[in-house]
PDB file of all heavy atoms in Angstrom:
ATOM      1  N   MET A   1     103.290  98.226 119.354  1.00  0.00           N
ATOM      2  CA  MET A   1     102.079  98.891 119.164  1.00  0.00           C
ATOM      3  C   MET A   1     101.726  98.630 117.672  1.00  0.00           C
ATOM      4  O   MET A   1     102.552  98.791 116.877  1.00  0.00           O
ATOM      5  CB  MET A   1     102.060 100.371 119.409  1.00  0.00           C
ATOM      6  CG  MET A   1     100.801 101.041 119.178  1.00  0.00           C
ATOM      7  SD  MET A   1     100.847 102.880 119.471  1.00  0.00           S
ATOM      8  CE  MET A   1     101.316 102.883 121.098  1.00  0.00           C
ATOM      9  N   TYR A   2     100.553  98.205 117.345  1.00  0.00           N
ATOM     10  CA  TYR A   2     100.048  98.011 116.007  1.00  0.00           C
ATOM     11  C   TYR A   2      99.494  99.306 115.433  1.00  0.00           C
ATOM     12  O   TYR A   2      98.912 100.088 116.095  1.00  0.00           O
ATOM     13  CB  TYR A   2      98.875  97.027 116.087  1.00  0.00           C
ATOM     14  CG  TYR A   2      98.301  96.756 114.644  1.00  0.00           C
ATOM     15  CD1 TYR A   2      98.959  95.850 113.858  1.00  0.00           C
ATOM     16  CD2 TYR A   2      97.179  97.296 114.261  1.00  0.00           C
ATOM     17  CE1 TYR A   2      98.443  95.550 112.605  1.00  0.00           C
ATOM     18  CE2 TYR A   2      96.559  97.051 113.118  1.00  0.00           C
ATOM     19  CZ  TYR A   2      97.381  96.136 112.197  1.00  0.00           C
ATOM     20  OH  TYR A   2      96.835  95.911 110.963  1.00  0.00           O
ATOM     21  N   THR A   3      99.970  99.650 114.190  1.00  0.00           N
ATOM     22  CA  THR A   3      99.547 100.767 113.438  1.00  0.00           C
ATOM     23  C   THR A   3      98.902 100.364 112.121  1.00  0.00           C
ATOM     24  O   THR A   3      99.442  99.602 111.417  1.00  0.00           O
ATOM     25  CB  THR A   3     100.828 101.696 113.174  1.00  0.00           C
ATOM     26  OG1 THR A   3     101.465 102.068 114.323  1.00  0.00           O
ATOM     27  CG2 THR A   3     100.390 103.011 112.425  1.00  0.00           C
ATOM     28  N   LEU A   4      97.786 101.058 111.882  1.00  0.00           N
ATOM     29  CA  LEU A   4      97.065 100.817 110.644  1.00  0.00           C
ATOM     30  C   LEU A   4      97.011 102.131 109.894  1.00  0.00           C
ATOM     31  O   LEU A   4      96.597 103.104 110.439  1.00  0.00           O
ATOM     32  CB  LEU A   4      95.585 100.297 110.938  1.00  0.00           C
ATOM     33  CG  LEU A   4      94.712 100.099 109.806  1.00  0.00           C
ATOM     34  CD1 LEU A   4      95.110  99.074 108.920  1.00  0.00           C
ATOM     35  CD2 LEU A   4      93.248  99.828 110.368  1.00  0.00           C
ATOM     36  N   GLU A   5      97.312 102.135 108.639  1.00  0.00           N
ATOM     37  CA  GLU A   5      97.281 103.315 107.846  1.00  0.00           C
ATOM     38  C   GLU A   5      96.464 103.035 106.639  1.00  0.00           C
ATOM     39  O   GLU A   5      96.554 101.919 105.937  1.00  0.00           O
ATOM     40  CB  GLU A   5      98.611 103.780 107.397  1.00  0.00           C
ATOM     41  CG  GLU A   5      99.475 104.211 108.462  1.00  0.00           C
ATOM     42  CD  GLU A   5     100.866 104.766 108.128  1.00  0.00           C
ATOM     43  OE1 GLU A   5     100.884 105.311 106.945  1.00  0.00           O
ATOM     44  OE2 GLU A   5     101.828 104.786 108.890  1.00  0.00           O
ATOM     45  N   LYS A   6      95.633 103.925 106.236  1.00  0.00           N
ATOM     46  CA  LYS A   6      94.738 103.695 105.028  1.00  0.00           C
ATOM     47  C   LYS A   6      94.667 105.073 104.419  1.00  0.00           C
ATOM     48  O   LYS A   6      94.694 106.163 104.986  1.00  0.00           O
ATOM     49  CB  LYS A   6      93.135 103.312 105.505  1.00  0.00           C
ATOM     50  CG  LYS A   6      93.108 102.048 106.093  1.00  0.00           C
ATOM     51  CD  LYS A   6      93.172 100.911 105.134  1.00  0.00           C
ATOM     52  CE  LYS A   6      92.857  99.619 105.675  1.00  0.00           C
ATOM     53  NZ  LYS A   6      92.824  98.573 104.766  1.00  0.00           N
ATOM     54  N   GLU A   7      94.556 105.021 103.093  1.00  0.00           N
ATOM     55  CA  GLU A   7      94.346 106.222 102.316  1.00  0.00           C
ATOM     56  C   GLU A   7      93.035 106.169 101.514  1.00  0.00           C
ATOM     57  O   GLU A   7      92.668 104.926 101.051  1.00  0.00           O
ATOM     58  CB  GLU A   7      95.598 106.512 101.251  1.00  0.00           C
ATOM     59  CG  GLU A   7      96.791 106.892 102.009  1.00  0.00           C
ATOM     60  CD  GLU A   7      97.823 107.219 100.963  1.00  0.00           C
ATOM     61  OE1 GLU A   7      97.547 107.303  99.827  1.00  0.00           O
ATOM     62  OE2 GLU A   7      98.905 107.417 101.459  1.00  0.00           O
ATOM     63  N   GLN A   8      92.493 107.210 101.288  1.00  0.00           N
ATOM     64  CA  GLN A   8      91.193 107.291 100.494  1.00  0.00           C
ATOM     65  C   GLN A   8      91.322 108.467  99.499  1.00  0.00           C
ATOM     66  O   GLN A   8      91.527 109.486 100.003  1.00  0.00           O
ATOM     67  CB  GLN A   8      89.959 107.251 101.264  1.00  0.00           C
ATOM     68  CG  GLN A   8      88.688 107.168 100.523  1.00  0.00           C
ATOM     69  CD  GLN A   8      87.517 107.097 101.381  1.00  0.00           C
ATOM     70  OE1 GLN A   8      87.542 107.222 102.517  1.00  0.00           O
ATOM     71  NE2 GLN A   8      86.406 106.698 100.819  1.00  0.00           N
ATOM     72  N   PHE A   9      91.066 108.190  98.242  1.00  0.00           N
ATOM     73  CA  PHE A   9      91.197 109.359  97.320  1.00  0.00           C
ATOM     74  C   PHE A   9      89.801 109.833  96.954  1.00  0.00           C
ATOM     75  O   PHE A   9      88.917 108.961  96.557  1.00  0.00           O
ATOM     76  CB  PHE A   9      92.001 108.937  96.134  1.00  0.00           C
ATOM     77  CG  PHE A   9      93.418 108.560  96.402  1.00  0.00           C
ATOM     78  CD1 PHE A   9      93.765 107.253  96.700  1.00  0.00           C
ATOM     79  CD2 PHE A   9      94.438 109.662  96.544  1.00  0.00           C
ATOM     80  CE1 PHE A   9      95.099 106.974  97.044  1.00  0.00           C
ATOM     81  CE2 PHE A   9      95.654 109.345  96.776  1.00  0.00           C
ATOM     82  CZ  PHE A   9      96.064 108.030  97.080  1.00  0.00           C
ATOM     83  N   VAL A  10      89.621 111.164  97.038  1.00  0.00           N
ATOM     84  CA  VAL A  10      88.329 111.746  96.702  1.00  0.00           C
ATOM     85  C   VAL A  10      88.460 112.755  95.667  1.00  0.00           C
ATOM     86  O   VAL A  10      89.390 113.655  95.791  1.00  0.00           O
ATOM     87  CB  VAL A  10      87.618 112.174  98.081  1.00  0.00           C
ATOM     88  CG1 VAL A  10      86.377 112.949  97.771  1.00  0.00           C
ATOM     89  CG2 VAL A  10      87.482 111.193  99.105  1.00  0.00           C
ATOM     90  N   THR A  11      87.623 112.904  94.799  1.00  0.00           N
ATOM     91  CA  THR A  11      87.726 114.043  93.774  1.00  0.00           C
ATOM     92  C   THR A  11      86.910 115.118  94.190  1.00  0.00           C
ATOM     93  O   THR A  11      85.801 115.402  93.619  1.00  0.00           O
ATOM     94  CB  THR A  11      87.319 113.430  92.362  1.00  0.00           C
ATOM     95  OG1 THR A  11      86.055 112.878  92.521  1.00  0.00           O
ATOM     96  CG2 THR A  11      88.291 112.404  91.822  1.00  0.00           C
ATOM     97  N   ALA A  12      87.247 115.801  95.174  1.00  0.00           N
ATOM     98  CA  ALA A  12      86.651 117.002  95.659  1.00  0.00           C
ATOM     99  C   ALA A  12      87.772 117.917  96.258  1.00  0.00           C
ATOM    100  O   ALA A  12      88.820 117.512  96.683  1.00  0.00           O
ATOM    101  CB  ALA A  12      85.521 116.650  96.637  1.00  0.00           C
ATOM    102  N   SER A  13      87.300 119.225  96.461  1.00  0.00           N
ATOM    103  CA  SER A  13      88.393 120.211  97.034  1.00  0.00           C
ATOM    104  C   SER A  13      88.449 119.790  98.510  1.00  0.00           C
ATOM    105  O   SER A  13      87.556 119.185  99.195  1.00  0.00           O
ATOM    106  CB  SER A  13      87.696 121.599  96.860  1.00  0.00           C
ATOM    107  OG  SER A  13      86.485 121.778  97.712  1.00  0.00           O
ATOM    108  N   LEU A  14      89.531 120.378  99.078  1.00  0.00           N
ATOM    109  CA  LEU A  14      89.707 120.242 100.577  1.00  0.00           C
ATOM    110  C   LEU A  14      88.564 120.851 101.327  1.00  0.00           C
ATOM    111  O   LEU A  14      88.150 120.222 102.302  1.00  0.00           O
ATOM    112  CB  LEU A  14      91.008 120.839 100.987  1.00  0.00           C
ATOM    113  CG  LEU A  14      92.272 120.190 100.471  1.00  0.00           C
ATOM    114  CD1 LEU A  14      93.519 120.954 100.983  1.00  0.00           C
ATOM    115  CD2 LEU A  14      92.437 118.790 101.167  1.00  0.00           C
ATOM    116  N   GLU A  15      88.055 121.935 100.860  1.00  0.00           N
ATOM    117  CA  GLU A  15      86.943 122.630 101.561  1.00  0.00           C
ATOM    118  C   GLU A  15      85.731 121.789 101.556  1.00  0.00           C
ATOM    119  O   GLU A  15      84.961 121.662 102.571  1.00  0.00           O
ATOM    120  CB  GLU A  15      86.568 124.020 100.887  1.00  0.00           C
ATOM    121  CG  GLU A  15      87.761 125.004 101.101  1.00  0.00           C
ATOM    122  CD  GLU A  15      89.056 124.750 100.177  1.00  0.00           C
ATOM    123  OE1 GLU A  15      88.814 124.027  99.152  1.00  0.00           O
ATOM    124  OE2 GLU A  15      90.049 125.403 100.588  1.00  0.00           O
ATOM    125  N   LYS A  16      85.342 121.063 100.519  1.00  0.00           N
ATOM    126  CA  LYS A  16      84.131 120.264 100.344  1.00  0.00           C
ATOM    127  C   LYS A  16      84.324 119.102 101.260  1.00  0.00           C
ATOM    128  O   LYS A  16      83.482 118.604 101.946  1.00  0.00           O
ATOM    129  CB  LYS A  16      83.960 119.819  98.941  1.00  0.00           C
ATOM    130  CG  LYS A  16      83.185 120.878  98.206  1.00  0.00           C
ATOM    131  CD  LYS A  16      82.646 120.327  96.879  1.00  0.00           C
ATOM    132  CE  LYS A  16      81.826 121.255  96.185  1.00  0.00           C
ATOM    133  NZ  LYS A  16      80.933 120.779  95.290  1.00  0.00           N
ATOM    134  N   CYS A  17      85.603 118.506 101.284  1.00  0.00           N
ATOM    135  CA  CYS A  17      85.827 117.422 102.107  1.00  0.00           C
ATOM    136  C   CYS A  17      85.659 117.739 103.540  1.00  0.00           C
ATOM    137  O   CYS A  17      85.122 117.003 104.328  1.00  0.00           O
ATOM    138  CB  CYS A  17      87.257 116.785 101.778  1.00  0.00           C
ATOM    139  SG  CYS A  17      87.350 115.925 100.221  1.00  0.00           S
ATOM    140  N   TRP A  18      86.257 118.848 103.960  1.00  0.00           N
ATOM    141  CA  TRP A  18      86.117 119.312 105.391  1.00  0.00           C
ATOM    142  C   TRP A  18      84.761 119.531 105.617  1.00  0.00           C
ATOM    143  O   TRP A  18      84.369 119.221 106.926  1.00  0.00           O
ATOM    144  CB  TRP A  18      87.017 120.523 105.536  1.00  0.00           C
ATOM    145  CG  TRP A  18      87.106 120.985 107.013  1.00  0.00           C
ATOM    146  CD1 TRP A  18      86.327 121.859 107.588  1.00  0.00           C
ATOM    147  CD2 TRP A  18      87.775 120.245 108.156  1.00  0.00           C
ATOM    148  NE1 TRP A  18      86.565 121.918 108.899  1.00  0.00           N
ATOM    149  CE2 TRP A  18      87.421 120.902 109.246  1.00  0.00           C
ATOM    150  CE3 TRP A  18      88.513 119.174 108.047  1.00  0.00           C
ATOM    151  CZ2 TRP A  18      87.983 120.546 110.537  1.00  0.00           C
ATOM    152  CZ3 TRP A  18      89.103 118.758 109.305  1.00  0.00           C
ATOM    153  CH2 TRP A  18      88.754 119.474 110.483  1.00  0.00           C
ATOM    154  N   ASP A  19      84.023 120.170 104.815  1.00  0.00           N
ATOM    155  CA  ASP A  19      82.524 120.402 105.197  1.00  0.00           C
ATOM    156  C   ASP A  19      81.768 119.171 105.476  1.00  0.00           C
ATOM    157  O   ASP A  19      80.953 119.085 106.344  1.00  0.00           O
ATOM    158  CB  ASP A  19      81.846 121.142 103.966  1.00  0.00           C
ATOM    159  CG  ASP A  19      82.231 122.649 103.955  1.00  0.00           C
ATOM    160  OD1 ASP A  19      82.627 123.167 104.885  1.00  0.00           O
ATOM    161  OD2 ASP A  19      81.855 123.173 102.766  1.00  0.00           O
ATOM    162  N   PHE A  20      82.198 118.062 104.832  1.00  0.00           N
ATOM    163  CA  PHE A  20      81.547 116.757 105.117  1.00  0.00           C
ATOM    164  C   PHE A  20      82.128 116.169 106.426  1.00  0.00           C
ATOM    165  O   PHE A  20      81.379 115.800 107.226  1.00  0.00           O
ATOM    166  CB  PHE A  20      81.818 115.836 103.892  1.00  0.00           C
ATOM    167  CG  PHE A  20      81.438 114.426 104.112  1.00  0.00           C
ATOM    168  CD1 PHE A  20      80.070 114.146 103.755  1.00  0.00           C
ATOM    169  CD2 PHE A  20      82.253 113.431 104.631  1.00  0.00           C
ATOM    170  CE1 PHE A  20      79.600 112.800 104.033  1.00  0.00           C
ATOM    171  CE2 PHE A  20      81.888 112.196 104.843  1.00  0.00           C
ATOM    172  CZ  PHE A  20      80.422 111.838 104.511  1.00  0.00           C
ATOM    173  N   LEU A  21      83.417 116.146 106.528  1.00  0.00           N
ATOM    174  CA  LEU A  21      83.975 115.558 107.706  1.00  0.00           C
ATOM    175  C   LEU A  21      83.697 116.249 109.047  1.00  0.00           C
ATOM    176  O   LEU A  21      83.685 115.700 110.133  1.00  0.00           O
ATOM    177  CB  LEU A  21      85.559 115.403 107.564  1.00  0.00           C
ATOM    178  CG  LEU A  21      85.982 114.359 106.623  1.00  0.00           C
ATOM    179  CD1 LEU A  21      87.453 114.412 106.410  1.00  0.00           C
ATOM    180  CD2 LEU A  21      85.544 112.888 107.071  1.00  0.00           C
ATOM    181  N   ARG A  22      83.521 117.573 109.048  1.00  0.00           N
ATOM    182  CA  ARG A  22      83.435 118.347 110.286  1.00  0.00           C
ATOM    183  C   ARG A  22      82.043 118.050 111.028  1.00  0.00           C
ATOM    184  O   ARG A  22      81.840 118.359 112.139  1.00  0.00           O
ATOM    185  CB  ARG A  22      83.601 119.842 109.998  1.00  0.00           C
ATOM    186  CG  ARG A  22      82.385 120.392 109.336  1.00  0.00           C
ATOM    187  CD  ARG A  22      82.625 121.923 109.030  1.00  0.00           C
ATOM    188  NE  ARG A  22      81.471 122.483 108.552  1.00  0.00           N
ATOM    189  CZ  ARG A  22      81.554 123.751 108.112  1.00  0.00           C
ATOM    190  NH1 ARG A  22      82.526 124.520 108.131  1.00  0.00           N
ATOM    191  NH2 ARG A  22      80.367 124.198 107.525  1.00  0.00           N
ATOM    192  N   ASN A  23      81.161 117.426 110.232  1.00  0.00           N
ATOM    193  CA  ASN A  23      79.844 117.039 110.804  1.00  0.00           C
ATOM    194  C   ASN A  23      79.992 115.613 111.306  1.00  0.00           C
ATOM    195  O   ASN A  23      80.048 114.716 110.604  1.00  0.00           O
ATOM    196  CB  ASN A  23      78.717 117.116 109.771  1.00  0.00           C
ATOM    197  CG  ASN A  23      77.355 116.797 110.404  1.00  0.00           C
ATOM    198  OD1 ASN A  23      77.231 116.116 111.414  1.00  0.00           O
ATOM    199  ND2 ASN A  23      76.343 117.275 109.723  1.00  0.00           N
ATOM    200  N   PRO A  24      79.945 115.414 112.746  1.00  0.00           N
ATOM    201  CA  PRO A  24      80.223 114.126 113.244  1.00  0.00           C
ATOM    202  C   PRO A  24      79.175 113.037 112.872  1.00  0.00           C
ATOM    203  O   PRO A  24      79.477 111.904 112.816  1.00  0.00           O
ATOM    204  CB  PRO A  24      80.079 114.315 114.800  1.00  0.00           C
ATOM    205  CG  PRO A  24      80.254 115.819 114.995  1.00  0.00           C
ATOM    206  CD  PRO A  24      79.843 116.415 113.698  1.00  0.00           C
ATOM    207  N   ALA A  25      77.959 113.411 112.477  1.00  0.00           N
ATOM    208  CA  ALA A  25      76.953 112.437 112.009  1.00  0.00           C
ATOM    209  C   ALA A  25      77.304 111.745 110.801  1.00  0.00           C
ATOM    210  O   ALA A  25      76.921 110.699 110.506  1.00  0.00           O
ATOM    211  CB  ALA A  25      75.485 113.189 111.822  1.00  0.00           C
ATOM    212  N   ASN A  26      78.343 112.338 109.947  1.00  0.00           N
ATOM    213  CA  ASN A  26      78.760 111.761 108.829  1.00  0.00           C
ATOM    214  C   ASN A  26      79.710 110.638 108.950  1.00  0.00           C
ATOM    215  O   ASN A  26      80.067 109.877 108.068  1.00  0.00           O
ATOM    216  CB  ASN A  26      79.381 112.746 107.862  1.00  0.00           C
ATOM    217  CG  ASN A  26      78.310 113.691 107.273  1.00  0.00           C
ATOM    218  OD1 ASN A  26      77.264 113.273 107.038  1.00  0.00           O
ATOM    219  ND2 ASN A  26      78.737 114.923 106.872  1.00  0.00           N
ATOM    220  N   LEU A  27      80.081 110.373 110.168  1.00  0.00           N
ATOM    221  CA  LEU A  27      80.898 109.145 110.534  1.00  0.00           C
ATOM    222  C   LEU A  27      80.176 107.871 110.081  1.00  0.00           C
ATOM    223  O   LEU A  27      80.839 106.863 109.661  1.00  0.00           O
ATOM    224  CB  LEU A  27      81.273 109.192 111.990  1.00  0.00           C
ATOM    225  CG  LEU A  27      82.305 110.198 112.472  1.00  0.00           C
ATOM    226  CD1 LEU A  27      82.333 110.106 113.993  1.00  0.00           C
ATOM    227  CD2 LEU A  27      83.664 109.885 111.936  1.00  0.00           C
ATOM    228  N   ASN A  28      78.881 107.959 110.166  1.00  0.00           N
ATOM    229  CA  ASN A  28      78.125 106.777 109.839  1.00  0.00           C
ATOM    230  C   ASN A  28      78.330 106.418 108.285  1.00  0.00           C
ATOM    231  O   ASN A  28      78.369 105.308 107.940  1.00  0.00           O
ATOM    232  CB  ASN A  28      76.614 107.001 110.123  1.00  0.00           C
ATOM    233  CG  ASN A  28      76.218 106.871 111.494  1.00  0.00           C
ATOM    234  OD1 ASN A  28      76.880 106.289 112.268  1.00  0.00           O
ATOM    235  ND2 ASN A  28      75.047 107.559 111.759  1.00  0.00           N
ATOM    236  N   LEU A  29      78.476 107.520 107.508  1.00  0.00           N
ATOM    237  CA  LEU A  29      78.688 107.363 106.077  1.00  0.00           C
ATOM    238  C   LEU A  29      79.995 106.788 105.674  1.00  0.00           C
ATOM    239  O   LEU A  29      80.130 106.261 104.570  1.00  0.00           O
ATOM    240  CB  LEU A  29      78.292 108.518 105.404  1.00  0.00           C
ATOM    241  CG  LEU A  29      76.933 109.061 105.569  1.00  0.00           C
ATOM    242  CD1 LEU A  29      76.710 110.549 104.956  1.00  0.00           C
ATOM    243  CD2 LEU A  29      75.940 108.101 105.115  1.00  0.00           C
ATOM    244  N   ILE A  30      81.019 107.017 106.496  1.00  0.00           N
ATOM    245  CA  ILE A  30      82.484 106.518 106.138  1.00  0.00           C
ATOM    246  C   ILE A  30      82.892 105.394 106.746  1.00  0.00           C
ATOM    247  O   ILE A  30      83.945 104.893 106.569  1.00  0.00           O
ATOM    248  CB  ILE A  30      83.384 107.774 106.102  1.00  0.00           C
ATOM    249  CG1 ILE A  30      83.499 108.311 107.640  1.00  0.00           C
ATOM    250  CG2 ILE A  30      83.024 108.917 105.277  1.00  0.00           C
ATOM    251  CD1 ILE A  30      84.625 109.303 107.865  1.00  0.00           C
ATOM    252  N   THR A  31      82.125 104.853 107.754  1.00  0.00           N
ATOM    253  CA  THR A  31      82.427 103.610 108.495  1.00  0.00           C
ATOM    254  C   THR A  31      81.983 102.428 107.756  1.00  0.00           C
ATOM    255  O   THR A  31      80.792 102.408 107.288  1.00  0.00           O
ATOM    256  CB  THR A  31      81.916 103.637 109.908  1.00  0.00           C
ATOM    257  OG1 THR A  31      82.410 104.877 110.543  1.00  0.00           O
ATOM    258  CG2 THR A  31      82.348 102.563 110.764  1.00  0.00           C
ATOM    259  N   PRO A  32      82.871 101.441 107.587  1.00  0.00           N
ATOM    260  CA  PRO A  32      82.373 100.163 106.877  1.00  0.00           C
ATOM    261  C   PRO A  32      81.060  99.630 107.438  1.00  0.00           C
ATOM    262  O   PRO A  32      80.998  99.589 108.706  1.00  0.00           O
ATOM    263  CB  PRO A  32      83.467  99.174 107.112  1.00  0.00           C
ATOM    264  CG  PRO A  32      84.688 100.143 107.277  1.00  0.00           C
ATOM    265  CD  PRO A  32      84.209 101.286 108.048  1.00  0.00           C
ATOM    266  N   ARG A  33      80.178  99.270 106.553  1.00  0.00           N
ATOM    267  CA  ARG A  33      78.857  98.793 107.003  1.00  0.00           C
ATOM    268  C   ARG A  33      78.820  97.657 107.922  1.00  0.00           C
ATOM    269  O   ARG A  33      77.956  97.406 108.826  1.00  0.00           O
ATOM    270  CB  ARG A  33      77.888  98.454 105.865  1.00  0.00           C
ATOM    271  CG  ARG A  33      77.551  99.649 105.062  1.00  0.00           C
ATOM    272  CD  ARG A  33      76.723  99.160 103.838  1.00  0.00           C
ATOM    273  NE  ARG A  33      76.552 100.276 102.909  1.00  0.00           N
ATOM    274  CZ  ARG A  33      75.364 101.084 102.702  1.00  0.00           C
ATOM    275  NH1 ARG A  33      74.373 100.681 103.490  1.00  0.00           N
ATOM    276  NH2 ARG A  33      75.249 101.950 101.776  1.00  0.00           N
ATOM    277  N   ASP A  34      79.839  96.848 107.809  1.00  0.00           N
ATOM    278  CA  ASP A  34      79.911  95.517 108.596  1.00  0.00           C
ATOM    279  C   ASP A  34      80.253  95.731 110.087  1.00  0.00           C
ATOM    280  O   ASP A  34      80.218  94.919 110.861  1.00  0.00           O
ATOM    281  CB  ASP A  34      80.834  94.480 108.030  1.00  0.00           C
ATOM    282  CG  ASP A  34      82.257  94.937 107.858  1.00  0.00           C
ATOM    283  OD1 ASP A  34      82.519  96.206 107.785  1.00  0.00           O
ATOM    284  OD2 ASP A  34      83.160  94.165 107.828  1.00  0.00           O
ATOM    285  N   LEU A  35      80.583  97.000 110.324  1.00  0.00           N
ATOM    286  CA  LEU A  35      80.890  97.375 111.789  1.00  0.00           C
ATOM    287  C   LEU A  35      79.655  97.817 112.528  1.00  0.00           C
ATOM    288  O   LEU A  35      79.640  97.932 113.705  1.00  0.00           O
ATOM    289  CB  LEU A  35      81.953  98.392 111.868  1.00  0.00           C
ATOM    290  CG  LEU A  35      83.383  98.146 111.303  1.00  0.00           C
ATOM    291  CD1 LEU A  35      84.218  99.330 111.446  1.00  0.00           C
ATOM    292  CD2 LEU A  35      83.855  96.896 112.023  1.00  0.00           C
ATOM    293  N   HIS A  36      78.559  97.930 111.766  1.00  0.00           N
ATOM    294  CA  HIS A  36      77.167  98.267 112.383  1.00  0.00           C
ATOM    295  C   HIS A  36      77.367  99.512 113.326  1.00  0.00           C
ATOM    296  O   HIS A  36      76.933  99.497 114.416  1.00  0.00           O
ATOM    297  CB  HIS A  36      76.575  97.041 113.052  1.00  0.00           C
ATOM    298  CG  HIS A  36      76.542  95.843 112.269  1.00  0.00           C
ATOM    299  ND1 HIS A  36      75.630  95.749 111.305  1.00  0.00           N
ATOM    300  CD2 HIS A  36      77.283  94.766 112.215  1.00  0.00           C
ATOM    301  CE1 HIS A  36      75.734  94.581 110.668  1.00  0.00           C
ATOM    302  NE2 HIS A  36      76.760  93.893 111.249  1.00  0.00           N
ATOM    303  N   PHE A  37      77.948 100.500 112.866  1.00  0.00           N
ATOM    304  CA  PHE A  37      78.190 101.780 113.607  1.00  0.00           C
ATOM    305  C   PHE A  37      77.078 102.543 113.787  1.00  0.00           C
ATOM    306  O   PHE A  37      76.288 102.889 112.933  1.00  0.00           O
ATOM    307  CB  PHE A  37      79.307 102.493 112.686  1.00  0.00           C
ATOM    308  CG  PHE A  37      79.737 103.820 113.348  1.00  0.00           C
ATOM    309  CD1 PHE A  37      80.838 103.763 114.234  1.00  0.00           C
ATOM    310  CD2 PHE A  37      79.151 105.028 113.119  1.00  0.00           C
ATOM    311  CE1 PHE A  37      81.255 104.994 114.687  1.00  0.00           C
ATOM    312  CE2 PHE A  37      79.634 106.109 113.652  1.00  0.00           C
ATOM    313  CZ  PHE A  37      80.653 106.238 114.431  1.00  0.00           C
TER     314      PHE A  37
END
């Protein structure tokens, strides 16, 4: 089985990051543009 691991460092609190991630519409903003998500 292939496993891919990535890390991204963000200078914000866990709460601010969670507020962003909990909204499914924001998946568009964190998906690479070339995937045409």
